[in-house]
PDB file of N, CA and C in Angstrom:
ATOM      1  N   MET A   1     -16.568 -14.191   8.310  1.00  0.00           N
ATOM      2  CA  MET A   1     -16.533 -14.745   6.961  1.00  0.00           C
ATOM      3  C   MET A   1     -16.549 -13.586   5.967  1.00  0.00           C
ATOM      4  N   LYS A   2     -15.683 -13.638   4.977  1.00  0.00           N
ATOM      5  CA  LYS A   2     -15.586 -12.590   3.964  1.00  0.00           C
ATOM      6  C   LYS A   2     -16.695 -12.765   2.931  1.00  0.00           C
ATOM      7  N   LYS A   3     -17.260 -11.628   2.481  1.00  0.00           N
ATOM      8  CA  LYS A   3     -18.324 -11.664   1.475  1.00  0.00           C
ATOM      9  C   LYS A   3     -17.747 -11.394   0.094  1.00  0.00           C
ATOM     10  N   VAL A   4     -18.042 -12.299  -0.828  1.00  0.00           N
ATOM     11  CA  VAL A   4     -17.597 -12.185  -2.209  1.00  0.00           C
ATOM     12  C   VAL A   4     -18.829 -12.026  -3.098  1.00  0.00           C
ATOM     13  N   LEU A   5     -18.810 -10.985  -3.915  1.00  0.00           N
ATOM     14  CA  LEU A   5     -19.884 -10.738  -4.881  1.00  0.00           C
ATOM     15  C   LEU A   5     -19.431 -11.197  -6.254  1.00  0.00           C
ATOM     16  N   ILE A   6     -20.178 -12.120  -6.841  1.00  0.00           N
ATOM     17  CA  ILE A   6     -19.905 -12.611  -8.193  1.00  0.00           C
ATOM     18  C   ILE A   6     -20.900 -11.942  -9.132  1.00  0.00           C
ATOM     19  N   ILE A   7     -20.365 -11.223 -10.131  1.00  0.00           N
ATOM     20  CA  ILE A   7     -21.221 -10.518 -11.084  1.00  0.00           C
ATOM     21  C   ILE A   7     -20.944 -11.081 -12.478  1.00  0.00           C
ATOM     22  N   ASP A   8     -21.926 -11.780 -13.014  1.00  0.00           N
ATOM     23  CA  ASP A   8     -21.805 -12.358 -14.358  1.00  0.00           C
ATOM     24  C   ASP A   8     -23.212 -12.559 -14.909  1.00  0.00           C
ATOM     25  N   ASP A   9     -23.416 -12.199 -16.157  1.00  0.00           N
ATOM     26  CA  ASP A   9     -24.744 -12.324 -16.751  1.00  0.00           C
ATOM     27  C   ASP A   9     -25.045 -13.745 -17.218  1.00  0.00           C
ATOM     28  N   GLU A  10     -24.031 -14.586 -17.322  1.00  0.00           N
ATOM     29  CA  GLU A  10     -24.254 -15.967 -17.740  1.00  0.00           C
ATOM     30  C   GLU A  10     -24.582 -16.822 -16.510  1.00  0.00           C
ATOM     31  N   GLU A  11     -25.806 -17.320 -16.474  1.00  0.00           N
ATOM     32  CA  GLU A  11     -26.288 -18.059 -15.305  1.00  0.00           C
ATOM     33  C   GLU A  11     -25.401 -19.252 -14.971  1.00  0.00           C
ATOM     34  N   PHE A  12     -24.990 -20.005 -15.983  1.00  0.00           N
ATOM     35  CA  PHE A  12     -24.151 -21.178 -15.750  1.00  0.00           C
ATOM     36  C   PHE A  12     -22.855 -20.786 -15.042  1.00  0.00           C
ATOM     37  N   ILE A  13     -22.210 -19.738 -15.511  1.00  0.00           N
ATOM     38  CA  ILE A  13     -20.942 -19.300 -14.907  1.00  0.00           C
ATOM     39  C   ILE A  13     -21.181 -18.792 -13.492  1.00  0.00           C
ATOM     40  N   ARG A  14     -22.241 -18.008 -13.319  1.00  0.00           N
ATOM     41  CA  ARG A  14     -22.575 -17.496 -11.988  1.00  0.00           C
ATOM     42  C   ARG A  14     -22.774 -18.642 -11.000  1.00  0.00           C
ATOM     43  N   GLU A  15     -23.541 -19.642 -11.396  1.00  0.00           N
ATOM     44  CA  GLU A  15     -23.818 -20.780 -10.515  1.00  0.00           C
ATOM     45  C   GLU A  15     -22.566 -21.604 -10.244  1.00  0.00           C
ATOM     46  N   MET A  16     -21.766 -21.816 -11.276  1.00  0.00           N
ATOM     47  CA  MET A  16     -20.533 -22.592 -11.117  1.00  0.00           C
ATOM     48  C   MET A  16     -19.576 -21.878 -10.174  1.00  0.00           C
ATOM     49  N   LEU A  17     -19.408 -20.561 -10.349  1.00  0.00           N
ATOM     50  CA  LEU A  17     -18.523 -19.797  -9.467  1.00  0.00           C
ATOM     51  C   LEU A  17     -19.080 -19.734  -8.048  1.00  0.00           C
ATOM     52  N   PHE A  18     -20.404 -19.612  -7.929  1.00  0.00           N
ATOM     53  CA  PHE A  18     -21.034 -19.618  -6.606  1.00  0.00           C
ATOM     54  C   PHE A  18     -20.680 -20.908  -5.862  1.00  0.00           C
ATOM     55  N   GLU A  19     -20.874 -22.036  -6.532  1.00  0.00           N
ATOM     56  CA  GLU A  19     -20.589 -23.337  -5.908  1.00  0.00           C
ATOM     57  C   GLU A  19     -19.105 -23.458  -5.562  1.00  0.00           C
ATOM     58  N   PHE A  20     -18.248 -23.091  -6.500  1.00  0.00           N
ATOM     59  CA  PHE A  20     -16.812 -23.231  -6.282  1.00  0.00           C
ATOM     60  C   PHE A  20     -16.332 -22.375  -5.114  1.00  0.00           C
ATOM     61  N   VAL A  21     -16.671 -21.095  -5.136  1.00  0.00           N
ATOM     62  CA  VAL A  21     -16.203 -20.194  -4.080  1.00  0.00           C
ATOM     63  C   VAL A  21     -16.830 -20.570  -2.736  1.00  0.00           C
ATOM     64  N   SER A  22     -18.099 -20.950  -2.734  1.00  0.00           N
ATOM     65  CA  SER A  22     -18.750 -21.397  -1.495  1.00  0.00           C
ATOM     66  C   SER A  22     -18.041 -22.619  -0.918  1.00  0.00           C
ATOM     67  N   ASP A  23     -17.676 -23.550  -1.786  1.00  0.00           N
ATOM     68  CA  ASP A  23     -17.023 -24.786  -1.340  1.00  0.00           C
ATOM     69  C   ASP A  23     -15.624 -24.548  -0.772  1.00  0.00           C
ATOM     70  N   LEU A  24     -15.031 -23.391  -1.061  1.00  0.00           N
ATOM     71  CA  LEU A  24     -13.721 -23.077  -0.479  1.00  0.00           C
ATOM     72  C   LEU A  24     -13.839 -22.924   1.033  1.00  0.00           C
ATOM     73  N   GLY A  25     -15.058 -22.595   1.504  1.00  0.00           N
ATOM     74  CA  GLY A  25     -15.342 -22.600   2.928  1.00  0.00           C
ATOM     75  C   GLY A  25     -15.075 -21.320   3.677  1.00  0.00           C
ATOM     76  N   ASP A  26     -14.374 -20.385   3.096  1.00  0.00           N
ATOM     77  CA  ASP A  26     -13.999 -19.169   3.813  1.00  0.00           C
ATOM     78  C   ASP A  26     -14.832 -17.959   3.433  1.00  0.00           C
ATOM     79  N   TYR A  27     -15.806 -18.162   2.552  1.00  0.00           N
ATOM     80  CA  TYR A  27     -16.492 -17.016   1.974  1.00  0.00           C
ATOM     81  C   TYR A  27     -18.008 -17.183   1.978  1.00  0.00           C
ATOM     82  N   GLU A  28     -18.688 -16.068   2.238  1.00  0.00           N
ATOM     83  CA  GLU A  28     -20.117 -15.987   1.982  1.00  0.00           C
ATOM     84  C   GLU A  28     -20.241 -15.412   0.576  1.00  0.00           C
ATOM     85  N   VAL A  29     -21.002 -16.063  -0.280  1.00  0.00           N
ATOM     86  CA  VAL A  29     -21.057 -15.675  -1.690  1.00  0.00           C
ATOM     87  C   VAL A  29     -22.430 -15.119  -2.036  1.00  0.00           C
ATOM     88  N   ILE A  30     -22.416 -13.995  -2.731  1.00  0.00           N
ATOM     89  CA  ILE A  30     -23.621 -13.350  -3.235  1.00  0.00           C
ATOM     90  C   ILE A  30     -23.428 -13.203  -4.740  1.00  0.00           C
ATOM     91  N   THR A  31     -24.506 -13.338  -5.501  1.00  0.00           N
ATOM     92  CA  THR A  31     -24.388 -13.202  -6.955  1.00  0.00           C
ATOM     93  C   THR A  31     -25.299 -12.101  -7.481  1.00  0.00           C
ATOM     94  N   ALA A  32     -24.899 -11.563  -8.635  1.00  0.00           N
ATOM     95  CA  ALA A  32     -25.697 -10.576  -9.355  1.00  0.00           C
ATOM     96  C   ALA A  32     -25.485 -10.806 -10.843  1.00  0.00           C
ATOM     97  N   GLU A  33     -26.519 -10.480 -11.635  1.00  0.00           N
ATOM     98  CA  GLU A  33     -26.425 -10.744 -13.075  1.00  0.00           C
ATOM     99  C   GLU A  33     -26.202  -9.489 -13.903  1.00  0.00           C
ATOM    100  N   ASN A  34     -26.203  -8.318 -13.260  1.00  0.00           N
ATOM    101  CA  ASN A  34     -25.975  -7.079 -14.019  1.00  0.00           C
ATOM    102  C   ASN A  34     -25.449  -5.987 -13.094  1.00  0.00           C
ATOM    103  N   GLY A  35     -25.101  -4.857 -13.688  1.00  0.00           N
ATOM    104  CA  GLY A  35     -24.531  -3.761 -12.928  1.00  0.00           C
ATOM    105  C   GLY A  35     -25.491  -3.135 -11.948  1.00  0.00           C
ATOM    106  N   VAL A  36     -26.745  -2.931 -12.365  1.00  0.00           N
ATOM    107  CA  VAL A  36     -27.729  -2.286 -11.495  1.00  0.00           C
ATOM    108  C   VAL A  36     -27.916  -3.092 -10.215  1.00  0.00           C
ATOM    109  N   SER A  37     -28.166  -4.390 -10.348  1.00  0.00           N
ATOM    110  CA  SER A  37     -28.388  -5.207  -9.146  1.00  0.00           C
ATOM    111  C   SER A  37     -27.118  -5.317  -8.307  1.00  0.00           C
ATOM    112  N   SER A  38     -25.963  -5.322  -8.950  1.00  0.00           N
ATOM    113  CA  SER A  38     -24.723  -5.436  -8.181  1.00  0.00           C
ATOM    114  C   SER A  38     -24.465  -4.188  -7.347  1.00  0.00           C
ATOM    115  N   PHE A  39     -24.752  -3.002  -7.885  1.00  0.00           N
ATOM    116  CA  PHE A  39     -24.544  -1.794  -7.085  1.00  0.00           C
ATOM    117  C   PHE A  39     -25.550  -1.696  -5.941  1.00  0.00           C
ATOM    118  N   LYS A  40     -26.754  -2.233  -6.123  1.00  0.00           N
ATOM    119  CA  LYS A  40     -27.712  -2.292  -5.013  1.00  0.00           C
ATOM    120  C   LYS A  40     -27.156  -3.170  -3.888  1.00  0.00           C
ATOM    121  N   ILE A  41     -26.559  -4.290  -4.265  1.00  0.00           N
ATOM    122  CA  ILE A  41     -25.963  -5.184  -3.272  1.00  0.00           C
ATOM    123  C   ILE A  41     -24.781  -4.495  -2.594  1.00  0.00           C
ATOM    124  N   ILE A  42     -23.916  -3.878  -3.377  1.00  0.00           N
ATOM    125  CA  ILE A  42     -22.743  -3.191  -2.818  1.00  0.00           C
ATOM    126  C   ILE A  42     -23.166  -2.098  -1.847  1.00  0.00           C
ATOM    127  N   ASP A  43     -24.250  -1.397  -2.166  1.00  0.00           N
ATOM    128  CA  ASP A  43     -24.738  -0.324  -1.299  1.00  0.00           C
ATOM    129  C   ASP A  43     -25.328  -0.842   0.013  1.00  0.00           C
ATOM    130  N   ASN A  44     -25.770  -2.115   0.032  1.00  0.00           N
ATOM    131  CA  ASN A  44     -26.465  -2.644   1.202  1.00  0.00           C
ATOM    132  C   ASN A  44     -25.713  -3.723   1.974  1.00  0.00           C
ATOM    133  N   GLU A  45     -24.607  -4.188   1.438  1.00  0.00           N
ATOM    134  CA  GLU A  45     -23.843  -5.266   2.073  1.00  0.00           C
ATOM    135  C   GLU A  45     -22.389  -4.809   2.236  1.00  0.00           C
ATOM    136  N   ASN A  46     -21.703  -5.406   3.185  1.00  0.00           N
ATOM    137  CA  ASN A  46     -20.261  -5.183   3.319  1.00  0.00           C
ATOM    138  C   ASN A  46     -19.537  -6.193   2.437  1.00  0.00           C
ATOM    139  N   ILE A  47     -19.313  -5.831   1.189  1.00  0.00           N
ATOM    140  CA  ILE A  47     -18.662  -6.721   0.235  1.00  0.00           C
ATOM    141  C   ILE A  47     -17.150  -6.590   0.402  1.00  0.00           C
ATOM    142  N   ASP A  48     -16.466  -7.735   0.483  1.00  0.00           N
ATOM    143  CA  ASP A  48     -15.022  -7.744   0.689  1.00  0.00           C
ATOM    144  C   ASP A  48     -14.234  -7.970  -0.590  1.00  0.00           C
ATOM    145  N   ALA A  49     -14.862  -8.557  -1.612  1.00  0.00           N
ATOM    146  CA  ALA A  49     -14.205  -8.785  -2.896  1.00  0.00           C
ATOM    147  C   ALA A  49     -15.279  -8.984  -3.969  1.00  0.00           C
ATOM    148  N   ILE A  50     -14.905  -8.653  -5.203  1.00  0.00           N
ATOM    149  CA  ILE A  50     -15.818  -8.775  -6.337  1.00  0.00           C
ATOM    150  C   ILE A  50     -15.146  -9.570  -7.443  1.00  0.00           C
ATOM    151  N   ILE A  51     -15.883 -10.514  -8.002  1.00  0.00           N
ATOM    152  CA  ILE A  51     -15.468 -11.197  -9.238  1.00  0.00           C
ATOM    153  C   ILE A  51     -16.389 -10.644 -10.313  1.00  0.00           C
ATOM    154  N   LEU A  52     -15.819  -9.882 -11.240  1.00  0.00           N
ATOM    155  CA  LEU A  52     -16.600  -9.098 -12.200  1.00  0.00           C
ATOM    156  C   LEU A  52     -16.363  -9.546 -13.633  1.00  0.00           C
ATOM    157  N   ASP A  53     -17.434  -9.944 -14.304  1.00  0.00           N
ATOM    158  CA  ASP A  53     -17.374 -10.193 -15.746  1.00  0.00           C
ATOM    159  C   ASP A  53     -17.333  -8.835 -16.450  1.00  0.00           C
ATOM    160  N   TYR A  54     -16.422  -8.680 -17.390  1.00  0.00           N
ATOM    161  CA  TYR A  54     -16.244  -7.385 -18.060  1.00  0.00           C
ATOM    162  C   TYR A  54     -17.472  -6.962 -18.862  1.00  0.00           C
ATOM    163  N   THR A  55     -18.115  -7.911 -19.519  1.00  0.00           N
ATOM    164  CA  THR A  55     -19.223  -7.569 -20.406  1.00  0.00           C
ATOM    165  C   THR A  55     -20.546  -8.002 -19.787  1.00  0.00           C
ATOM    166  N   LEU A  56     -21.277  -7.010 -19.279  1.00  0.00           N
ATOM    167  CA  LEU A  56     -22.605  -7.242 -18.709  1.00  0.00           C
ATOM    168  C   LEU A  56     -23.636  -6.596 -19.621  1.00  0.00           C
ATOM    169  N   PRO A  57     -24.899  -6.987 -19.534  1.00  0.00           N
ATOM    170  CA  PRO A  57     -25.906  -6.441 -20.442  1.00  0.00           C
ATOM    171  C   PRO A  57     -26.112  -4.930 -20.286  1.00  0.00           C
ATOM    172  N   ASP A  58     -25.897  -4.408 -19.077  1.00  0.00           N
ATOM    173  CA  ASP A  58     -26.202  -2.998 -18.847  1.00  0.00           C
ATOM    174  C   ASP A  58     -24.979  -2.110 -18.610  1.00  0.00           C
ATOM    175  N   ILE A  59     -23.789  -2.700 -18.504  1.00  0.00           N
ATOM    176  CA  ILE A  59     -22.592  -1.898 -18.253  1.00  0.00           C
ATOM    177  C   ILE A  59     -21.347  -2.708 -18.612  1.00  0.00           C
ATOM    178  N   ARG A  60     -20.361  -2.014 -19.170  1.00  0.00           N
ATOM    179  CA  ARG A  60     -19.077  -2.665 -19.441  1.00  0.00           C
ATOM    180  C   ARG A  60     -18.202  -2.556 -18.203  1.00  0.00           C
ATOM    181  N   GLY A  61     -17.209  -3.398 -18.151  1.00  0.00           N
ATOM    182  CA  GLY A  61     -16.319  -3.424 -16.998  1.00  0.00           C
ATOM    183  C   GLY A  61     -15.650  -2.097 -16.699  1.00  0.00           C
ATOM    184  N   ASP A  62     -15.199  -1.394 -17.740  1.00  0.00           N
ATOM    185  CA  ASP A  62     -14.522  -0.124 -17.498  1.00  0.00           C
ATOM    186  C   ASP A  62     -15.480   0.907 -16.897  1.00  0.00           C
ATOM    187  N   ALA A  63     -16.719   0.927 -17.342  1.00  0.00           N
ATOM    188  CA  ALA A  63     -17.713   1.847 -16.780  1.00  0.00           C
ATOM    189  C   ALA A  63     -18.068   1.444 -15.348  1.00  0.00           C
ATOM    190  N   PHE A  64     -18.134   0.142 -15.082  1.00  0.00           N
ATOM    191  CA  PHE A  64     -18.386  -0.347 -13.732  1.00  0.00           C
ATOM    192  C   PHE A  64     -17.272   0.112 -12.797  1.00  0.00           C
ATOM    193  N   LEU A  65     -16.028  -0.057 -13.240  1.00  0.00           N
ATOM    194  CA  LEU A  65     -14.880   0.344 -12.428  1.00  0.00           C
ATOM    195  C   LEU A  65     -14.852   1.858 -12.221  1.00  0.00           C
ATOM    196  N   GLU A  66     -15.226   2.612 -13.245  1.00  0.00           N
ATOM    197  CA  GLU A  66     -15.285   4.066 -13.122  1.00  0.00           C
ATOM    198  C   GLU A  66     -16.345   4.474 -12.099  1.00  0.00           C
ATOM    199  N   THR A  67     -17.484   3.796 -12.104  1.00  0.00           N
ATOM    200  CA  THR A  67     -18.525   4.071 -11.121  1.00  0.00           C
ATOM    201  C   THR A  67     -18.021   3.753  -9.712  1.00  0.00           C
ATOM    202  N   MET A  68     -17.326   2.648  -9.569  1.00  0.00           N
ATOM    203  CA  MET A  68     -16.738   2.311  -8.266  1.00  0.00           C
ATOM    204  C   MET A  68     -15.801   3.421  -7.807  1.00  0.00           C
ATOM    205  N   LYS A  69     -14.938   3.852  -8.714  1.00  0.00           N
ATOM    206  CA  LYS A  69     -13.966   4.899  -8.384  1.00  0.00           C
ATOM    207  C   LYS A  69     -14.688   6.183  -7.971  1.00  0.00           C
ATOM    208  N   ASN A  70     -15.711   6.575  -8.730  1.00  0.00           N
ATOM    209  CA  ASN A  70     -16.458   7.797  -8.427  1.00  0.00           C
ATOM    210  C   ASN A  70     -17.196   7.722  -7.091  1.00  0.00           C
ATOM    211  N   LYS A  71     -17.580   6.500  -6.701  1.00  0.00           N
ATOM    212  CA  LYS A  71     -18.252   6.317  -5.411  1.00  0.00           C
ATOM    213  C   LYS A  71     -17.257   6.177  -4.268  1.00  0.00           C
ATOM    214  N   GLY A  72     -15.965   6.167  -4.600  1.00  0.00           N
ATOM    215  CA  GLY A  72     -14.943   6.019  -3.574  1.00  0.00           C
ATOM    216  C   GLY A  72     -14.779   4.597  -3.069  1.00  0.00           C
ATOM    217  N   LEU A  73     -15.227   3.635  -3.841  1.00  0.00           N
ATOM    218  CA  LEU A  73     -15.137   2.226  -3.453  1.00  0.00           C
ATOM    219  C   LEU A  73     -13.765   1.659  -3.806  1.00  0.00           C
ATOM    220  N   THR A  74     -13.192   0.941  -2.882  1.00  0.00           N
ATOM    221  CA  THR A  74     -11.883   0.322  -3.130  1.00  0.00           C
ATOM    222  C   THR A  74     -11.936  -1.181  -2.871  1.00  0.00           C
ATOM    223  N   ILE A  75     -13.072  -1.772  -3.120  1.00  0.00           N
ATOM    224  CA  ILE A  75     -13.249  -3.217  -2.947  1.00  0.00           C
ATOM    225  C   ILE A  75     -12.366  -3.933  -3.972  1.00  0.00           C
ATOM    226  N   PRO A  76     -11.564  -4.906  -3.551  1.00  0.00           N
ATOM    227  CA  PRO A  76     -10.736  -5.636  -4.518  1.00  0.00           C
ATOM    228  C   PRO A  76     -11.596  -6.331  -5.578  1.00  0.00           C
ATOM    229  N   VAL A  77     -11.178  -6.184  -6.840  1.00  0.00           N
ATOM    230  CA  VAL A  77     -11.916  -6.742  -7.976  1.00  0.00           C
ATOM    231  C   VAL A  77     -11.030  -7.720  -8.733  1.00  0.00           C
ATOM    232  N   ILE A  78     -11.602  -8.876  -9.034  1.00  0.00           N
ATOM    233  CA  ILE A  78     -11.002  -9.830  -9.973  1.00  0.00           C
ATOM    234  C   ILE A  78     -11.820  -9.701 -11.244  1.00  0.00           C
ATOM    235  N   LEU A  79     -11.195  -9.229 -12.297  1.00  0.00           N
ATOM    236  CA  LEU A  79     -11.874  -8.979 -13.563  1.00  0.00           C
ATOM    237  C   LEU A  79     -11.765 -10.211 -14.446  1.00  0.00           C
ATOM    238  N   THR A  80     -12.900 -10.644 -15.037  1.00  0.00           N
ATOM    239  CA  THR A  80     -12.894 -11.802 -15.930  1.00  0.00           C
ATOM    240  C   THR A  80     -13.477 -11.406 -17.281  1.00  0.00           C
ATOM    241  N   SER A  81     -12.993 -12.057 -18.335  1.00  0.00           N
ATOM    242  CA  SER A  81     -13.526 -11.803 -19.670  1.00  0.00           C
ATOM    243  C   SER A  81     -13.102 -12.920 -20.609  1.00  0.00           C
ATOM    244  N   GLY A  82     -13.901 -13.115 -21.633  1.00  0.00           N
ATOM    245  CA  GLY A  82     -13.546 -14.054 -22.682  1.00  0.00           C
ATOM    246  C   GLY A  82     -12.574 -13.451 -23.685  1.00  0.00           C
ATOM    247  N   LEU A  83     -12.427 -12.126 -23.661  1.00  0.00           N
ATOM    248  CA  LEU A  83     -11.537 -11.427 -24.586  1.00  0.00           C
ATOM    249  C   LEU A  83     -10.350 -10.846 -23.831  1.00  0.00           C
ATOM    250  N   SER A  84      -9.156 -11.201 -24.247  1.00  0.00           N
ATOM    251  CA  SER A  84      -7.970 -10.711 -23.541  1.00  0.00           C
ATOM    252  C   SER A  84      -7.842  -9.197 -23.624  1.00  0.00           C
ATOM    253  N   SER A  85      -8.340  -8.588 -24.694  1.00  0.00           N
ATOM    254  CA  SER A  85      -8.228  -7.130 -24.833  1.00  0.00           C
ATOM    255  C   SER A  85      -9.026  -6.396 -23.752  1.00  0.00           C
ATOM    256  N   ASN A  86     -10.041  -7.036 -23.184  1.00  0.00           N
ATOM    257  CA  ASN A  86     -10.830  -6.428 -22.118  1.00  0.00           C
ATOM    258  C   ASN A  86     -10.124  -6.476 -20.765  1.00  0.00           C
ATOM    259  N   LEU A  87      -9.032  -7.196 -20.698  1.00  0.00           N
ATOM    260  CA  LEU A  87      -8.376  -7.409 -19.418  1.00  0.00           C
ATOM    261  C   LEU A  87      -7.191  -6.477 -19.176  1.00  0.00           C
ATOM    262  N   GLU A  88      -6.973  -5.553 -20.093  1.00  0.00           N
ATOM    263  CA  GLU A  88      -5.918  -4.565 -19.894  1.00  0.00           C
ATOM    264  C   GLU A  88      -6.450  -3.526 -18.913  1.00  0.00           C
ATOM    265  N   ILE A  89      -5.804  -3.432 -17.779  1.00  0.00           N
ATOM    266  CA  ILE A  89      -6.300  -2.596 -16.682  1.00  0.00           C
ATOM    267  C   ILE A  89      -5.677  -1.206 -16.760  1.00  0.00           C
ATOM    268  N   GLU A  90      -6.549  -0.202 -16.823  1.00  0.00           N
ATOM    269  CA  GLU A  90      -6.072   1.176 -16.839  1.00  0.00           C
ATOM    270  C   GLU A  90      -5.479   1.538 -15.491  1.00  0.00           C
ATOM    271  N   ASP A  91      -4.512   2.446 -15.503  1.00  0.00           N
ATOM    272  CA  ASP A  91      -3.843   2.861 -14.269  1.00  0.00           C
ATOM    273  C   ASP A  91      -4.827   3.366 -13.217  1.00  0.00           C
ATOM    274  N   ASP A  92      -5.915   4.006 -13.649  1.00  0.00           N
ATOM    275  CA  ASP A  92      -6.897   4.559 -12.705  1.00  0.00           C
ATOM    276  C   ASP A  92      -7.524   3.490 -11.822  1.00  0.00           C
ATOM    277  N   TYR A  93      -7.498   2.239 -12.256  1.00  0.00           N
ATOM    278  CA  TYR A  93      -8.192   1.181 -11.529  1.00  0.00           C
ATOM    279  C   TYR A  93      -7.241   0.196 -10.857  1.00  0.00           C
ATOM    280  N   LYS A  94      -5.948   0.402 -11.013  1.00  0.00           N
ATOM    281  CA  LYS A  94      -4.979  -0.576 -10.495  1.00  0.00           C
ATOM    282  C   LYS A  94      -4.962  -0.643  -8.968  1.00  0.00           C
ATOM    283  N   ASP A  95      -5.543   0.362  -8.313  1.00  0.00           N
ATOM    284  CA  ASP A  95      -5.593   0.328  -6.856  1.00  0.00           C
ATOM    285  C   ASP A  95      -6.541  -0.746  -6.343  1.00  0.00           C
ATOM    286  N   PHE A  96      -7.556  -1.092  -7.138  1.00  0.00           N
ATOM    287  CA  PHE A  96      -8.512  -2.085  -6.639  1.00  0.00           C
ATOM    288  C   PHE A  96      -8.727  -3.275  -7.560  1.00  0.00           C
ATOM    289  N   VAL A  97      -8.281  -3.227  -8.807  1.00  0.00           N
ATOM    290  CA  VAL A  97      -8.330  -4.426  -9.657  1.00  0.00           C
ATOM    291  C   VAL A  97      -7.070  -5.238  -9.349  1.00  0.00           C
ATOM    292  N   VAL A  98      -7.251  -6.323  -8.637  1.00  0.00           N
ATOM    293  CA  VAL A  98      -6.110  -7.097  -8.152  1.00  0.00           C
ATOM    294  C   VAL A  98      -5.661  -8.175  -9.132  1.00  0.00           C
ATOM    295  N   SER A  99      -6.553  -8.552 -10.048  1.00  0.00           N
ATOM    296  CA  SER A  99      -6.212  -9.609 -10.997  1.00  0.00           C
ATOM    297  C   SER A  99      -7.186  -9.571 -12.167  1.00  0.00           C
ATOM    298  N   SER A 100      -6.733 -10.098 -13.291  1.00  0.00           N
ATOM    299  CA  SER A 100      -7.623 -10.278 -14.433  1.00  0.00           C
ATOM    300  C   SER A 100      -7.418 -11.684 -14.974  1.00  0.00           C
ATOM    301  N   LEU A 101      -8.539 -12.360 -15.216  1.00  0.00           N
ATOM    302  CA  LEU A 101      -8.505 -13.751 -15.656  1.00  0.00           C
ATOM    303  C   LEU A 101      -9.280 -13.899 -16.951  1.00  0.00           C
ATOM    304  N   GLN A 102      -8.630 -14.510 -17.952  1.00  0.00           N
ATOM    305  CA  GLN A 102      -9.313 -14.746 -19.215  1.00  0.00           C
ATOM    306  C   GLN A 102     -10.076 -16.060 -19.140  1.00  0.00           C
ATOM    307  N   LYS A 103     -11.357 -16.001 -19.535  1.00  0.00           N
ATOM    308  CA  LYS A 103     -12.189 -17.204 -19.571  1.00  0.00           C
ATOM    309  C   LYS A 103     -11.772 -18.075 -20.744  1.00  0.00           C
ATOM    310  N   PRO A 104     -11.801 -19.377 -20.611  1.00  0.00           N
ATOM    311  CA  PRO A 104     -12.007 -20.100 -19.359  1.00  0.00           C
ATOM    312  C   PRO A 104     -10.730 -20.044 -18.525  1.00  0.00           C
ATOM    313  N   PHE A 105     -10.865 -19.858 -17.228  1.00  0.00           N
ATOM    314  CA  PHE A 105      -9.694 -19.752 -16.370  1.00  0.00           C
ATOM    315  C   PHE A 105      -9.645 -20.932 -15.401  1.00  0.00           C
ATOM    316  N   ASP A 106      -8.450 -21.156 -14.887  1.00  0.00           N
ATOM    317  CA  ASP A 106      -8.201 -22.241 -13.942  1.00  0.00           C
ATOM    318  C   ASP A 106      -8.771 -21.830 -12.583  1.00  0.00           C
ATOM    319  N   LEU A 107      -9.671 -22.625 -12.050  1.00  0.00           N
ATOM    320  CA  LEU A 107     -10.296 -22.306 -10.771  1.00  0.00           C
ATOM    321  C   LEU A 107      -9.289 -22.283  -9.621  1.00  0.00           C
ATOM    322  N   LYS A 108      -8.184 -23.015  -9.760  1.00  0.00           N
ATOM    323  CA  LYS A 108      -7.143 -22.975  -8.734  1.00  0.00           C
ATOM    324  C   LYS A 108      -6.535 -21.575  -8.654  1.00  0.00           C
ATOM    325  N   ILE A 109      -6.393 -20.920  -9.800  1.00  0.00           N
ATOM    326  CA  ILE A 109      -5.849 -19.558  -9.821  1.00  0.00           C
ATOM    327  C   ILE A 109      -6.831 -18.599  -9.151  1.00  0.00           C
ATOM    328  N   LEU A 110      -8.110 -18.783  -9.408  1.00  0.00           N
ATOM    329  CA  LEU A 110      -9.122 -17.956  -8.746  1.00  0.00           C
ATOM    330  C   LEU A 110      -9.061 -18.147  -7.231  1.00  0.00           C
ATOM    331  N   ALA A 111      -8.973 -19.385  -6.780  1.00  0.00           N
ATOM    332  CA  ALA A 111      -8.901 -19.669  -5.337  1.00  0.00           C
ATOM    333  C   ALA A 111      -7.670 -19.011  -4.723  1.00  0.00           C
ATOM    334  N   GLU A 112      -6.542 -19.119  -5.395  1.00  0.00           N
ATOM    335  CA  GLU A 112      -5.301 -18.521  -4.890  1.00  0.00           C
ATOM    336  C   GLU A 112      -5.400 -16.993  -4.864  1.00  0.00           C
ATOM    337  N   THR A 113      -6.027 -16.419  -5.876  1.00  0.00           N
ATOM    338  CA  THR A 113      -6.195 -14.970  -5.931  1.00  0.00           C
ATOM    339  C   THR A 113      -7.066 -14.483  -4.774  1.00  0.00           C
ATOM    340  N   LEU A 114      -8.160 -15.167  -4.517  1.00  0.00           N
ATOM    341  CA  LEU A 114      -9.015 -14.805  -3.380  1.00  0.00           C
ATOM    342  C   LEU A 114      -8.236 -14.920  -2.070  1.00  0.00           C
ATOM    343  N   LYS A 115      -7.499 -15.989  -1.928  1.00  0.00           N
ATOM    344  CA  LYS A 115      -6.701 -16.192  -0.719  1.00  0.00           C
ATOM    345  C   LYS A 115      -5.721 -15.041  -0.522  1.00  0.00           C
ATOM    346  N   ASN A 116      -5.066 -14.615  -1.601  1.00  0.00           N
ATOM    347  CA  ASN A 116      -4.084 -13.530  -1.527  1.00  0.00           C
ATOM    348  C   ASN A 116      -4.715 -12.191  -1.174  1.00  0.00           C
ATOM    349  N   ILE A 117      -5.942 -11.981  -1.610  1.00  0.00           N
ATOM    350  CA  ILE A 117      -6.642 -10.724  -1.280  1.00  0.00           C
ATOM    351  C   ILE A 117      -6.767 -10.570   0.230  1.00  0.00           C
ATOM    352  N   PHE A 118      -7.014 -11.659   0.914  1.00  0.00           N
ATOM    353  CA  PHE A 118      -7.317 -11.606   2.346  1.00  0.00           C
ATOM    354  C   PHE A 118      -6.155 -12.007   3.252  1.00  0.00           C
ATOM    355  N   LYS A 119      -4.954 -11.993   2.712  1.00  0.00           N
ATOM    356  CA  LYS A 119      -3.761 -12.300   3.535  1.00  0.00           C
ATOM    357  C   LYS A 119      -3.596 -11.263   4.621  1.00  0.00           C
TER     358      LYS A 119
END
């Protein structure tokens, strides 16, 4: 079973995504509410994909992605944000940012994106 880490500071969104992705049946889902806790999870678990909210209380998405790059992590990331300007992906991160979704997004698109990651 593939492990998906959902990182979002909004509890409602985290819980909704947890339920949705879990119900897809193919994934073990772990959640985190900020960058610090998410990197602890990444360091201790074999994470296969990340759903990342761009704006977290302790780190922005671009800084999170830069930290991933500096650590040599290439875990596929689905970037989410309420602001479309936050979803422009810099070339440095295109190797592992597989998709960007503007909130509110269609859950069918999220399911299809996860499916495509693991083809």
